[in-house]
Amino acid sequence: MVMNHGIIIFTPFFAVLIGFIFFAILKKRKRSAKSIYKLIDDLEKKYIY
């Protein structure tokens, strides 16, 4: 009975923790529009001009 009570308490905690880590990784990988425009501008300067 005590073991089931512990599982009920800690399962949502671990689910939130895993979700937060997953969200943080996705957010870090996403580029902002400003950095994409800068990348395109740099490539144009390098290969076109």
N, C-alpha and C. Protein backbone atom coordinates (compact mmCIF):
# COMPACT_ATOMS: atom_id res chain seq x y z
N MET A 1 0.82 -1.20 0.00
CA MET A 1 0.00 0.00 0.00
C MET A 1 0.86 1.27 0.00
N VAL A 2 1.92 1.26 0.78
CA VAL A 2 2.80 2.42 0.84
C VAL A 2 3.52 2.62 -0.49
N MET A 3 3.91 1.53 -1.14
CA MET A 3 4.62 1.64 -2.41
C MET A 3 3.71 2.25 -3.49
N ASN A 4 2.46 1.86 -3.55
CA ASN A 4 1.53 2.44 -4.52
C ASN A 4 1.33 3.93 -4.27
N HIS A 5 1.29 4.32 -3.01
CA HIS A 5 1.13 5.73 -2.67
C HIS A 5 2.33 6.54 -3.18
N GLY A 6 3.53 6.02 -3.06
CA GLY A 6 4.73 6.69 -3.55
C GLY A 6 4.74 6.81 -5.07
N ILE A 7 4.30 5.77 -5.74
CA ILE A 7 4.23 5.80 -7.20
C ILE A 7 3.24 6.85 -7.67
N ILE A 8 2.11 6.94 -7.00
CA ILE A 8 1.08 7.93 -7.36
C ILE A 8 1.61 9.35 -7.19
N ILE A 9 2.43 9.58 -6.18
CA ILE A 9 2.96 10.93 -5.93
C ILE A 9 4.08 11.27 -6.91
N PHE A 10 5.00 10.33 -7.17
CA PHE A 10 6.19 10.67 -7.94
C PHE A 10 6.02 10.56 -9.45
N THR A 11 5.04 9.82 -9.95
CA THR A 11 4.86 9.68 -11.40
C THR A 11 4.57 11.03 -12.08
N PRO A 12 3.64 11.85 -11.59
CA PRO A 12 3.43 13.16 -12.24
C PRO A 12 4.67 14.05 -12.16
N PHE A 13 5.40 13.96 -11.06
CA PHE A 13 6.62 14.77 -10.91
C PHE A 13 7.64 14.43 -11.98
N PHE A 14 7.87 13.14 -12.21
CA PHE A 14 8.82 12.73 -13.24
C PHE A 14 8.31 13.07 -14.64
N ALA A 15 7.01 12.96 -14.87
CA ALA A 15 6.43 13.31 -16.18
C ALA A 15 6.64 14.79 -16.47
N VAL A 16 6.42 15.65 -15.49
CA VAL A 16 6.63 17.09 -15.67
C VAL A 16 8.11 17.38 -15.90
N LEU A 17 8.98 16.72 -15.17
CA LEU A 17 10.42 16.92 -15.32
C LEU A 17 10.88 16.53 -16.72
N ILE A 18 10.46 15.38 -17.21
CA ILE A 18 10.83 14.93 -18.55
C ILE A 18 10.26 15.88 -19.61
N GLY A 19 9.01 16.32 -19.44
CA GLY A 19 8.41 17.27 -20.37
C GLY A 19 9.16 18.59 -20.40
N PHE A 20 9.59 19.08 -19.26
CA PHE A 20 10.34 20.33 -19.19
C PHE A 20 11.68 20.21 -19.90
N ILE A 21 12.38 19.10 -19.69
CA ILE A 21 13.67 18.88 -20.35
C ILE A 21 13.49 18.81 -21.86
N PHE A 22 12.46 18.08 -22.32
CA PHE A 22 12.17 17.95 -23.75
C PHE A 22 11.86 19.32 -24.35
N PHE A 23 11.06 20.13 -23.67
CA PHE A 23 10.71 21.46 -24.16
C PHE A 23 11.94 22.36 -24.22
N ALA A 24 12.82 22.27 -23.23
CA ALA A 24 14.03 23.10 -23.21
C ALA A 24 14.95 22.74 -24.37
N ILE A 25 15.08 21.46 -24.69
CA ILE A 25 15.92 21.04 -25.81
C ILE A 25 15.34 21.55 -27.13
N LEU A 26 14.03 21.43 -27.31
CA LEU A 26 13.40 21.91 -28.55
C LEU A 26 13.55 23.42 -28.69
N LYS A 27 13.40 24.13 -27.60
CA LYS A 27 13.50 25.58 -27.65
C LYS A 27 14.92 26.02 -27.99
N LYS A 28 15.91 25.31 -27.49
CA LYS A 28 17.29 25.66 -27.76
C LYS A 28 17.64 25.44 -29.23
N ARG A 29 17.07 24.40 -29.86
CA ARG A 29 17.40 24.07 -31.24
C ARG A 29 16.72 25.00 -32.24
N LYS A 30 15.61 25.62 -31.84
CA LYS A 30 14.85 26.46 -32.76
C LYS A 30 15.59 27.77 -33.02
N ARG A 31 15.72 28.15 -34.28
CA ARG A 31 16.39 29.41 -34.62
C ARG A 31 15.38 30.54 -34.65
N SER A 32 15.83 31.70 -34.27
CA SER A 32 14.94 32.87 -34.36
C SER A 32 14.96 33.39 -35.79
N ALA A 33 13.96 34.16 -36.15
CA ALA A 33 13.86 34.71 -37.50
C ALA A 33 15.06 35.62 -37.79
N LYS A 34 15.50 36.36 -36.78
CA LYS A 34 16.63 37.27 -36.97
C LYS A 34 17.90 36.51 -37.35
N SER A 35 18.16 35.39 -36.70
CA SER A 35 19.37 34.63 -37.03
C SER A 35 19.26 33.98 -38.40
N ILE A 36 18.05 33.60 -38.82
CA ILE A 36 17.87 33.02 -40.16
C ILE A 36 18.14 34.08 -41.23
N TYR A 37 17.61 35.30 -41.04
CA TYR A 37 17.87 36.36 -42.00
C TYR A 37 19.35 36.71 -42.07
N LYS A 38 20.03 36.70 -40.95
CA LYS A 38 21.47 36.97 -40.93
C LYS A 38 22.23 35.88 -41.68
N LEU A 39 21.83 34.63 -41.48
CA LEU A 39 22.47 33.52 -42.18
C LEU A 39 22.29 33.65 -43.69
N ILE A 40 21.07 33.97 -44.14
CA ILE A 40 20.81 34.14 -45.57
C ILE A 40 21.63 35.30 -46.12
N ASP A 41 21.69 36.41 -45.39
CA ASP A 41 22.46 37.57 -45.83
C ASP A 41 23.94 37.22 -45.96
N ASP A 42 24.49 36.51 -44.99
CA ASP A 42 25.90 36.10 -45.06
C ASP A 42 26.16 35.19 -46.25
N LEU A 43 25.24 34.26 -46.52
CA LEU A 43 25.43 33.36 -47.67
C LEU A 43 25.35 34.12 -48.99
N GLU A 44 24.44 35.11 -49.07
CA GLU A 44 24.36 35.91 -50.29
C GLU A 44 25.66 36.69 -50.52
N LYS A 45 26.20 37.27 -49.47
CA LYS A 45 27.47 38.02 -49.60
C LYS A 45 28.61 37.10 -50.02
N LYS A 46 28.60 35.88 -49.50
CA LYS A 46 29.71 34.96 -49.78
C LYS A 46 29.65 34.42 -51.22
N TYR A 47 28.45 34.07 -51.70
CA TYR A 47 28.36 33.35 -52.97
C TYR A 47 27.88 34.20 -54.15
N ILE A 48 27.17 35.31 -53.90
CA ILE A 48 26.64 36.09 -55.01
C ILE A 48 27.55 37.26 -55.33
N TYR A 49 27.98 38.00 -54.32
CA TYR A 49 28.79 39.19 -54.58
C TYR A 49 30.25 38.87 -54.68
